[in-house]
């Protein structure tokens, strides 16, 4: 892998902002969107459990139904692509077995050699203390993927708008998630900012690095 320059990285971060108005006429190229989906798949998660599902809502009528339960934010319907981040409400032994089997197959090792790994996960998030807050734990994981999408998109010149301003229960109803074992956490319209988005040129407001980063020797 050839690393990008520090200037390229910081330029992308300065350019990125939560788009308030998307250009509905501009579509993300298929190959670019494919790369962003792969970036989501490659996101980090604790133990590699991936307790999530990313819903790419393409149906225009469905997206219009989501607007009223998204604080009437038109980005939901106007953006080129729309991703809903959902979590698996409960991690079970079957989920762990699936991960163990996949790991064994990908790395070409006997599943029995991963018994210690299974026991570690089981004693933590399945039957351990964190099993009581499985949804909270899964939410923390899905935000790793969320941040990964924002940065990956910015590096490719794609605009995004991270959204928690929505009704998760209504989203679950509209998207058919109720009773599925998955729940809506957040969403992200992706596309291109409109030429008349007045917020696009405003200076980014951040506290000084000296106030939020502390070096401990």
C-alpha atoms as a PDB file:
ATOM      1  CA  UNK A   1       0.000   0.000   0.000  1.00  0.00           C
ATOM      2  CA  UNK A   2       1.206   3.495  -0.847  1.00  0.00           C
ATOM      3  CA  UNK A   3       0.247   5.913   1.936  1.00  0.00           C
ATOM      4  CA  UNK A   4      -1.502   9.131   0.987  1.00  0.00           C
ATOM      5  CA  UNK A   5       0.173  12.368   1.972  1.00  0.00           C
ATOM      6  CA  UNK A   6      -0.628  14.121   5.224  1.00  0.00           C
ATOM      7  CA  UNK A   7      -1.760  17.123   3.177  1.00  0.00           C
ATOM      8  CA  UNK A   8      -4.275  14.963   1.282  1.00  0.00           C
ATOM      9  CA  UNK A   9      -5.659  13.535   4.511  1.00  0.00           C
ATOM     10  CA  UNK A  10      -6.086  16.900   6.210  1.00  0.00           C
ATOM     11  CA  UNK A  11      -7.500  18.509   3.066  1.00  0.00           C
ATOM     12  CA  UNK A  12     -10.229  15.854   2.994  1.00  0.00           C
ATOM     13  CA  UNK A  13     -11.064  16.438   6.661  1.00  0.00           C
ATOM     14  CA  UNK A  14     -11.241  20.208   6.200  1.00  0.00           C
ATOM     15  CA  UNK A  15     -13.427  19.780   3.103  1.00  0.00           C
ATOM     16  CA  UNK A  16     -15.861  17.362   4.741  1.00  0.00           C
ATOM     17  CA  UNK A  17     -18.880  18.774   6.499  1.00  0.00           C
ATOM     18  CA  UNK A  18     -22.421  17.664   7.312  1.00  0.00           C
ATOM     19  CA  UNK A  19     -24.179  18.624   4.091  1.00  0.00           C
ATOM     20  CA  UNK A  20     -27.435  20.486   4.604  1.00  0.00           C
ATOM     21  CA  UNK A  21     -28.586  20.395   0.982  1.00  0.00           C
ATOM     22  CA  UNK A  22     -27.736  17.762  -1.601  1.00  0.00           C
ATOM     23  CA  UNK A  23     -27.939  18.055  -5.371  1.00  0.00           C
ATOM     24  CA  UNK A  24     -30.622  15.461  -6.260  1.00  0.00           C
ATOM     25  CA  UNK A  25     -29.508  15.415  -9.911  1.00  0.00           C
ATOM     26  CA  UNK A  26     -25.990  14.126  -9.173  1.00  0.00           C
ATOM     27  CA  UNK A  27     -25.397  10.421  -8.659  1.00  0.00           C
ATOM     28  CA  UNK A  28     -22.361   8.726  -7.163  1.00  0.00           C
ATOM     29  CA  UNK A  29     -20.630   6.590  -9.835  1.00  0.00           C
ATOM     30  CA  UNK A  30     -21.193   2.857  -9.395  1.00  0.00           C
ATOM     31  CA  UNK A  31     -17.509   2.037  -8.912  1.00  0.00           C
ATOM     32  CA  UNK A  32     -17.128   4.751  -6.276  1.00  0.00           C
ATOM     33  CA  UNK A  33     -20.167   3.533  -4.378  1.00  0.00           C
ATOM     34  CA  UNK A  34     -18.898  -0.035  -4.599  1.00  0.00           C
ATOM     35  CA  UNK A  35     -15.658   1.084  -2.945  1.00  0.00           C
ATOM     36  CA  UNK A  36     -17.594   2.784  -0.133  1.00  0.00           C
ATOM     37  CA  UNK A  37     -19.651  -0.340   0.499  1.00  0.00           C
ATOM     38  CA  UNK A  38     -16.444  -2.329   0.688  1.00  0.00           C
ATOM     39  CA  UNK A  39     -15.076   0.241   3.147  1.00  0.00           C
ATOM     40  CA  UNK A  40     -18.107  -0.415   5.358  1.00  0.00           C
ATOM     41  CA  UNK A  41     -17.508  -4.161   5.175  1.00  0.00           C
ATOM     42  CA  UNK A  42     -13.841  -3.649   6.114  1.00  0.00           C
ATOM     43  CA  UNK A  43     -14.669  -1.550   9.198  1.00  0.00           C
ATOM     44  CA  UNK A  44     -13.213  -2.548  12.541  1.00  0.00           C
ATOM     45  CA  UNK A  45     -15.306  -4.068  15.323  1.00  0.00           C
ATOM     46  CA  UNK A  46     -14.567  -5.557  18.724  1.00  0.00           C
ATOM     47  CA  UNK A  47     -13.543  -9.217  18.372  1.00  0.00           C
ATOM     48  CA  UNK A  48     -14.354  -8.828  14.662  1.00  0.00           C
ATOM     49  CA  UNK A  49     -17.974  -9.732  15.477  1.00  0.00           C
ATOM     50  CA  UNK A  50     -19.514  -7.130  13.128  1.00  0.00           C
ATOM     51  CA  UNK A  51     -22.819  -6.826  15.066  1.00  0.00           C
ATOM     52  CA  UNK A  52     -24.468  -4.727  12.392  1.00  0.00           C
ATOM     53  CA  UNK A  53     -26.255  -4.484   9.079  1.00  0.00           C
ATOM     54  CA  UNK A  54     -26.036  -1.525   6.705  1.00  0.00           C
ATOM     55  CA  UNK A  55     -29.223  -0.839   4.780  1.00  0.00           C
ATOM     56  CA  UNK A  56     -28.740   1.028   1.496  1.00  0.00           C
ATOM     57  CA  UNK A  57     -32.201   2.396   0.787  1.00  0.00           C
ATOM     58  CA  UNK A  58     -32.598   2.883  -2.958  1.00  0.00           C
ATOM     59  CA  UNK A  59     -36.394   3.013  -3.214  1.00  0.00           C
ATOM     60  CA  UNK A  60     -37.391   6.707  -3.697  1.00  0.00           C
ATOM     61  CA  UNK A  61     -40.875   6.213  -2.237  1.00  0.00           C
ATOM     62  CA  UNK A  62     -39.460   4.547   0.849  1.00  0.00           C
ATOM     63  CA  UNK A  63     -36.999   7.374   1.312  1.00  0.00           C
ATOM     64  CA  UNK A  64     -39.811   9.930   1.068  1.00  0.00           C
ATOM     65  CA  UNK A  65     -41.630   8.030   3.829  1.00  0.00           C
ATOM     66  CA  UNK A  66     -38.532   8.351   5.993  1.00  0.00           C
ATOM     67  CA  UNK A  67     -38.327  12.153   5.625  1.00  0.00           C
ATOM     68  CA  UNK A  68     -41.128  12.987   8.145  1.00  0.00           C
ATOM     69  CA  UNK A  69     -39.561  10.658  10.738  1.00  0.00           C
ATOM     70  CA  UNK A  70     -36.150  12.243  10.114  1.00  0.00           C
ATOM     71  CA  UNK A  71     -37.104  15.668  11.451  1.00  0.00           C
ATOM     72  CA  UNK A  72     -38.169  16.531   7.867  1.00  0.00           C
ATOM     73  CA  UNK A  73     -34.573  16.618   6.700  1.00  0.00           C
ATOM     74  CA  UNK A  74     -34.665  16.537   2.900  1.00  0.00           C
ATOM     75  CA  UNK A  75     -31.160  15.081   2.703  1.00  0.00           C
ATOM     76  CA  UNK A  76     -32.776  11.669   3.242  1.00  0.00           C
ATOM     77  CA  UNK A  77     -34.603  11.830  -0.080  1.00  0.00           C
ATOM     78  CA  UNK A  78     -32.361  14.152  -2.095  1.00  0.00           C
ATOM     79  CA  UNK A  79     -28.952  12.525  -1.631  1.00  0.00           C
ATOM     80  CA  UNK A  80     -27.630  10.108  -4.217  1.00  0.00           C
ATOM     81  CA  UNK A  81     -27.404   7.223  -1.724  1.00  0.00           C
ATOM     82  CA  UNK A  82     -28.817   6.694   1.751  1.00  0.00           C
ATOM     83  CA  UNK A  83     -27.390   4.319   4.357  1.00  0.00           C
ATOM     84  CA  UNK A  84     -29.178   3.270   7.539  1.00  0.00           C
ATOM     85  CA  UNK A  85     -26.928   1.887  10.281  1.00  0.00           C
ATOM     86  CA  UNK A  86     -28.526  -0.897  12.300  1.00  0.00           C
ATOM     87  CA  UNK A  87     -27.255  -3.074  15.134  1.00  0.00           C
ATOM     88  CA  UNK A  88     -27.864  -6.667  16.093  1.00  0.00           C
ATOM     89  CA  UNK A  89     -29.755  -6.359  19.363  1.00  0.00           C
ATOM     90  CA  UNK A  90     -28.253  -9.429  21.004  1.00  0.00           C
ATOM     91  CA  UNK A  91     -25.043 -11.337  20.355  1.00  0.00           C
ATOM     92  CA  UNK A  92     -25.601 -15.087  20.742  1.00  0.00           C
ATOM     93  CA  UNK A  93     -23.456 -18.206  20.746  1.00  0.00           C
ATOM     94  CA  UNK A  94     -24.600 -18.823  17.171  1.00  0.00           C
ATOM     95  CA  UNK A  95     -23.079 -15.470  16.188  1.00  0.00           C
ATOM     96  CA  UNK A  96     -19.791 -16.444  17.794  1.00  0.00           C
ATOM     97  CA  UNK A  97     -19.825 -19.850  16.107  1.00  0.00           C
ATOM     98  CA  UNK A  98     -20.395 -18.148  12.767  1.00  0.00           C
ATOM     99  CA  UNK A  99     -17.361 -15.917  13.308  1.00  0.00           C
ATOM    100  CA  UNK A 100     -15.206 -18.852  14.405  1.00  0.00           C
ATOM    101  CA  UNK A 101     -16.214 -20.874  11.340  1.00  0.00           C
ATOM    102  CA  UNK A 102     -15.545 -17.943   9.019  1.00  0.00           C
ATOM    103  CA  UNK A 103     -12.163 -17.258  10.608  1.00  0.00           C
ATOM    104  CA  UNK A 104     -11.155 -20.900  10.331  1.00  0.00           C
ATOM    105  CA  UNK A 105     -12.150 -21.004   6.664  1.00  0.00           C
ATOM    106  CA  UNK A 106     -10.470 -17.730   5.687  1.00  0.00           C
ATOM    107  CA  UNK A 107      -7.230 -18.481   7.538  1.00  0.00           C
ATOM    108  CA  UNK A 108      -7.243 -22.191   6.729  1.00  0.00           C
ATOM    109  CA  UNK A 109      -6.934 -23.408  10.296  1.00  0.00           C
ATOM    110  CA  UNK A 110      -8.985 -25.935  12.305  1.00  0.00           C
ATOM    111  CA  UNK A 111     -11.866 -24.340  14.195  1.00  0.00           C
ATOM    112  CA  UNK A 112     -10.738 -26.245  17.285  1.00  0.00           C
ATOM    113  CA  UNK A 113      -7.639 -24.062  17.436  1.00  0.00           C
ATOM    114  CA  UNK A 114      -9.908 -21.069  18.021  1.00  0.00           C
ATOM    115  CA  UNK A 115     -11.674 -22.522  21.056  1.00  0.00           C
ATOM    116  CA  UNK A 116      -9.864 -20.105  23.378  1.00  0.00           C
ATOM    117  CA  UNK A 117     -11.046 -17.205  21.231  1.00  0.00           C
ATOM    118  CA  UNK A 118     -14.645 -18.392  21.367  1.00  0.00           C
ATOM    119  CA  UNK A 119     -14.437 -18.751  25.147  1.00  0.00           C
ATOM    120  CA  UNK A 120     -13.081 -15.205  25.428  1.00  0.00           C
ATOM    121  CA  UNK A 121     -15.963 -13.738  23.436  1.00  0.00           C
ATOM    122  CA  UNK A 122     -18.581 -15.858  25.173  1.00  0.00           C
ATOM    123  CA  UNK A 123     -17.382 -14.824  28.634  1.00  0.00           C
ATOM    124  CA  UNK A 124     -17.522 -11.170  27.659  1.00  0.00           C
ATOM    125  CA  UNK A 125     -20.379 -10.184  25.346  1.00  0.00           C
ATOM    126  CA  UNK A 126     -22.572 -13.300  25.316  1.00  0.00           C
ATOM    127  CA  UNK A 127     -22.831 -14.432  28.940  1.00  0.00           C
ATOM    128  CA  UNK A 128     -20.501 -11.939  30.625  1.00  0.00           C
ATOM    129  CA  UNK A 129     -21.157  -8.499  32.112  1.00  0.00           C
ATOM    130  CA  UNK A 130     -21.518  -6.795  28.750  1.00  0.00           C
ATOM    131  CA  UNK A 131     -24.301  -9.162  27.685  1.00  0.00           C
ATOM    132  CA  UNK A 132     -26.621  -7.006  29.808  1.00  0.00           C
ATOM    133  CA  UNK A 133     -25.824  -3.997  27.621  1.00  0.00           C
ATOM    134  CA  UNK A 134     -25.590  -5.805  24.294  1.00  0.00           C
ATOM    135  CA  UNK A 135     -27.359  -3.023  22.403  1.00  0.00           C
ATOM    136  CA  UNK A 136     -25.103  -0.332  23.879  1.00  0.00           C
ATOM    137  CA  UNK A 137     -22.009  -2.372  23.023  1.00  0.00           C
ATOM    138  CA  UNK A 138     -23.224  -2.951  19.462  1.00  0.00           C
ATOM    139  CA  UNK A 139     -23.994   0.762  19.059  1.00  0.00           C
ATOM    140  CA  UNK A 140     -20.391   1.592  19.920  1.00  0.00           C
ATOM    141  CA  UNK A 141     -19.245  -0.818  17.238  1.00  0.00           C
ATOM    142  CA  UNK A 142     -21.497   0.562  14.521  1.00  0.00           C
ATOM    143  CA  UNK A 143     -20.176   4.069  15.111  1.00  0.00           C
ATOM    144  CA  UNK A 144     -16.721   2.791  14.177  1.00  0.00           C
ATOM    145  CA  UNK A 145     -18.167   1.892  10.781  1.00  0.00           C
ATOM    146  CA  UNK A 146     -20.014   5.210  10.619  1.00  0.00           C
ATOM    147  CA  UNK A 147     -16.820   7.211  11.103  1.00  0.00           C
ATOM    148  CA  UNK A 148     -15.042   4.999   8.602  1.00  0.00           C
ATOM    149  CA  UNK A 149     -17.673   5.804   5.974  1.00  0.00           C
ATOM    150  CA  UNK A 150     -17.405   9.562   6.581  1.00  0.00           C
ATOM    151  CA  UNK A 151     -13.632   9.595   6.166  1.00  0.00           C
ATOM    152  CA  UNK A 152     -13.593   7.177   3.236  1.00  0.00           C
ATOM    153  CA  UNK A 153     -16.225   9.236   1.440  1.00  0.00           C
ATOM    154  CA  UNK A 154     -14.350  12.493   2.023  1.00  0.00           C
ATOM    155  CA  UNK A 155     -11.162  11.001   0.593  1.00  0.00           C
ATOM    156  CA  UNK A 156     -13.119  10.114  -2.548  1.00  0.00           C
ATOM    157  CA  UNK A 157     -14.740  13.547  -2.808  1.00  0.00           C
ATOM    158  CA  UNK A 158     -18.163  12.297  -1.735  1.00  0.00           C
ATOM    159  CA  UNK A 159     -20.297  14.382   0.613  1.00  0.00           C
ATOM    160  CA  UNK A 160     -22.072  12.948   3.636  1.00  0.00           C
ATOM    161  CA  UNK A 161     -24.364  14.034   6.442  1.00  0.00           C
ATOM    162  CA  UNK A 162     -24.202  11.957   9.654  1.00  0.00           C
ATOM    163  CA  UNK A 163     -27.698  11.848  11.147  1.00  0.00           C
ATOM    164  CA  UNK A 164     -29.087  10.884  14.521  1.00  0.00           C
ATOM    165  CA  UNK A 165     -32.045  13.209  14.035  1.00  0.00           C
ATOM    166  CA  UNK A 166     -34.558  10.466  13.341  1.00  0.00           C
ATOM    167  CA  UNK A 167     -37.134   8.267  15.044  1.00  0.00           C
ATOM    168  CA  UNK A 168     -35.527   4.804  15.320  1.00  0.00           C
ATOM    169  CA  UNK A 169     -38.801   3.041  16.121  1.00  0.00           C
ATOM    170  CA  UNK A 170     -40.518   4.521  13.056  1.00  0.00           C
ATOM    171  CA  UNK A 171     -37.510   3.660  10.914  1.00  0.00           C
ATOM    172  CA  UNK A 172     -37.724   0.062  12.091  1.00  0.00           C
ATOM    173  CA  UNK A 173     -41.423  -0.032  11.177  1.00  0.00           C
ATOM    174  CA  UNK A 174     -40.971   1.517   7.734  1.00  0.00           C
ATOM    175  CA  UNK A 175     -37.936  -0.608   6.859  1.00  0.00           C
ATOM    176  CA  UNK A 176     -39.446  -3.843   8.155  1.00  0.00           C
ATOM    177  CA  UNK A 177     -36.943  -4.276  10.961  1.00  0.00           C
ATOM    178  CA  UNK A 178     -39.439  -4.685  13.787  1.00  0.00           C
ATOM    179  CA  UNK A 179     -38.976  -8.142  15.277  1.00  0.00           C
ATOM    180  CA  UNK A 180     -36.001  -8.889  13.015  1.00  0.00           C
ATOM    181  CA  UNK A 181     -33.378  -8.750  15.749  1.00  0.00           C
ATOM    182  CA  UNK A 182     -31.926  -5.547  14.275  1.00  0.00           C
ATOM    183  CA  UNK A 183     -32.621  -1.931  15.236  1.00  0.00           C
ATOM    184  CA  UNK A 184     -31.920   1.442  13.639  1.00  0.00           C
ATOM    185  CA  UNK A 185     -29.224   3.557  15.275  1.00  0.00           C
ATOM    186  CA  UNK A 186     -28.339   6.309  12.795  1.00  0.00           C
ATOM    187  CA  UNK A 187     -28.281   7.134   9.085  1.00  0.00           C
ATOM    188  CA  UNK A 188     -26.094   8.813   6.484  1.00  0.00           C
ATOM    189  CA  UNK A 189     -27.106  10.442   3.197  1.00  0.00           C
ATOM    190  CA  UNK A 190     -24.247  10.407   0.678  1.00  0.00           C
ATOM    191  CA  UNK A 191     -23.868  12.370  -2.532  1.00  0.00           C
ATOM    192  CA  UNK A 192     -22.856  15.850  -3.657  1.00  0.00           C
ATOM    193  CA  UNK A 193     -23.543  19.176  -1.979  1.00  0.00           C
ATOM    194  CA  UNK A 194     -25.851  21.533  -3.848  1.00  0.00           C
ATOM    195  CA  UNK A 195     -24.338  24.659  -5.404  1.00  0.00           C
ATOM    196  CA  UNK A 196     -26.653  26.826  -3.295  1.00  0.00           C
ATOM    197  CA  UNK A 197     -25.948  25.102   0.027  1.00  0.00           C
ATOM    198  CA  UNK A 198     -25.198  28.227   2.015  1.00  0.00           C
ATOM    199  CA  UNK A 199     -23.482  26.311   4.821  1.00  0.00           C
ATOM    200  CA  UNK A 200     -20.879  24.713   2.575  1.00  0.00           C
ATOM    201  CA  UNK A 201     -18.525  27.686   2.656  1.00  0.00           C
ATOM    202  CA  UNK A 202     -18.715  28.424   6.374  1.00  0.00           C
ATOM    203  CA  UNK A 203     -15.528  28.007   8.396  1.00  0.00           C
ATOM    204  CA  UNK A 204     -15.248  24.780  10.366  1.00  0.00           C
ATOM    205  CA  UNK A 205     -15.637  25.405  14.094  1.00  0.00           C
ATOM    206  CA  UNK A 206     -13.295  23.304  16.241  1.00  0.00           C
ATOM    207  CA  UNK A 207     -11.629  23.853  19.613  1.00  0.00           C
ATOM    208  CA  UNK A 208      -7.845  24.284  19.579  1.00  0.00           C
ATOM    209  CA  UNK A 209      -5.790  21.100  19.602  1.00  0.00           C
ATOM    210  CA  UNK A 210      -4.154  22.274  22.850  1.00  0.00           C
ATOM    211  CA  UNK A 211      -7.543  22.103  24.588  1.00  0.00           C
ATOM    212  CA  UNK A 212      -8.650  18.645  23.436  1.00  0.00           C
ATOM    213  CA  UNK A 213      -5.426  16.650  23.042  1.00  0.00           C
ATOM    214  CA  UNK A 214      -3.307  15.979  26.120  1.00  0.00           C
ATOM    215  CA  UNK A 215       0.095  14.328  25.906  1.00  0.00           C
ATOM    216  CA  UNK A 216       0.969  12.196  28.931  1.00  0.00           C
ATOM    217  CA  UNK A 217       4.630  11.343  29.414  1.00  0.00           C
END
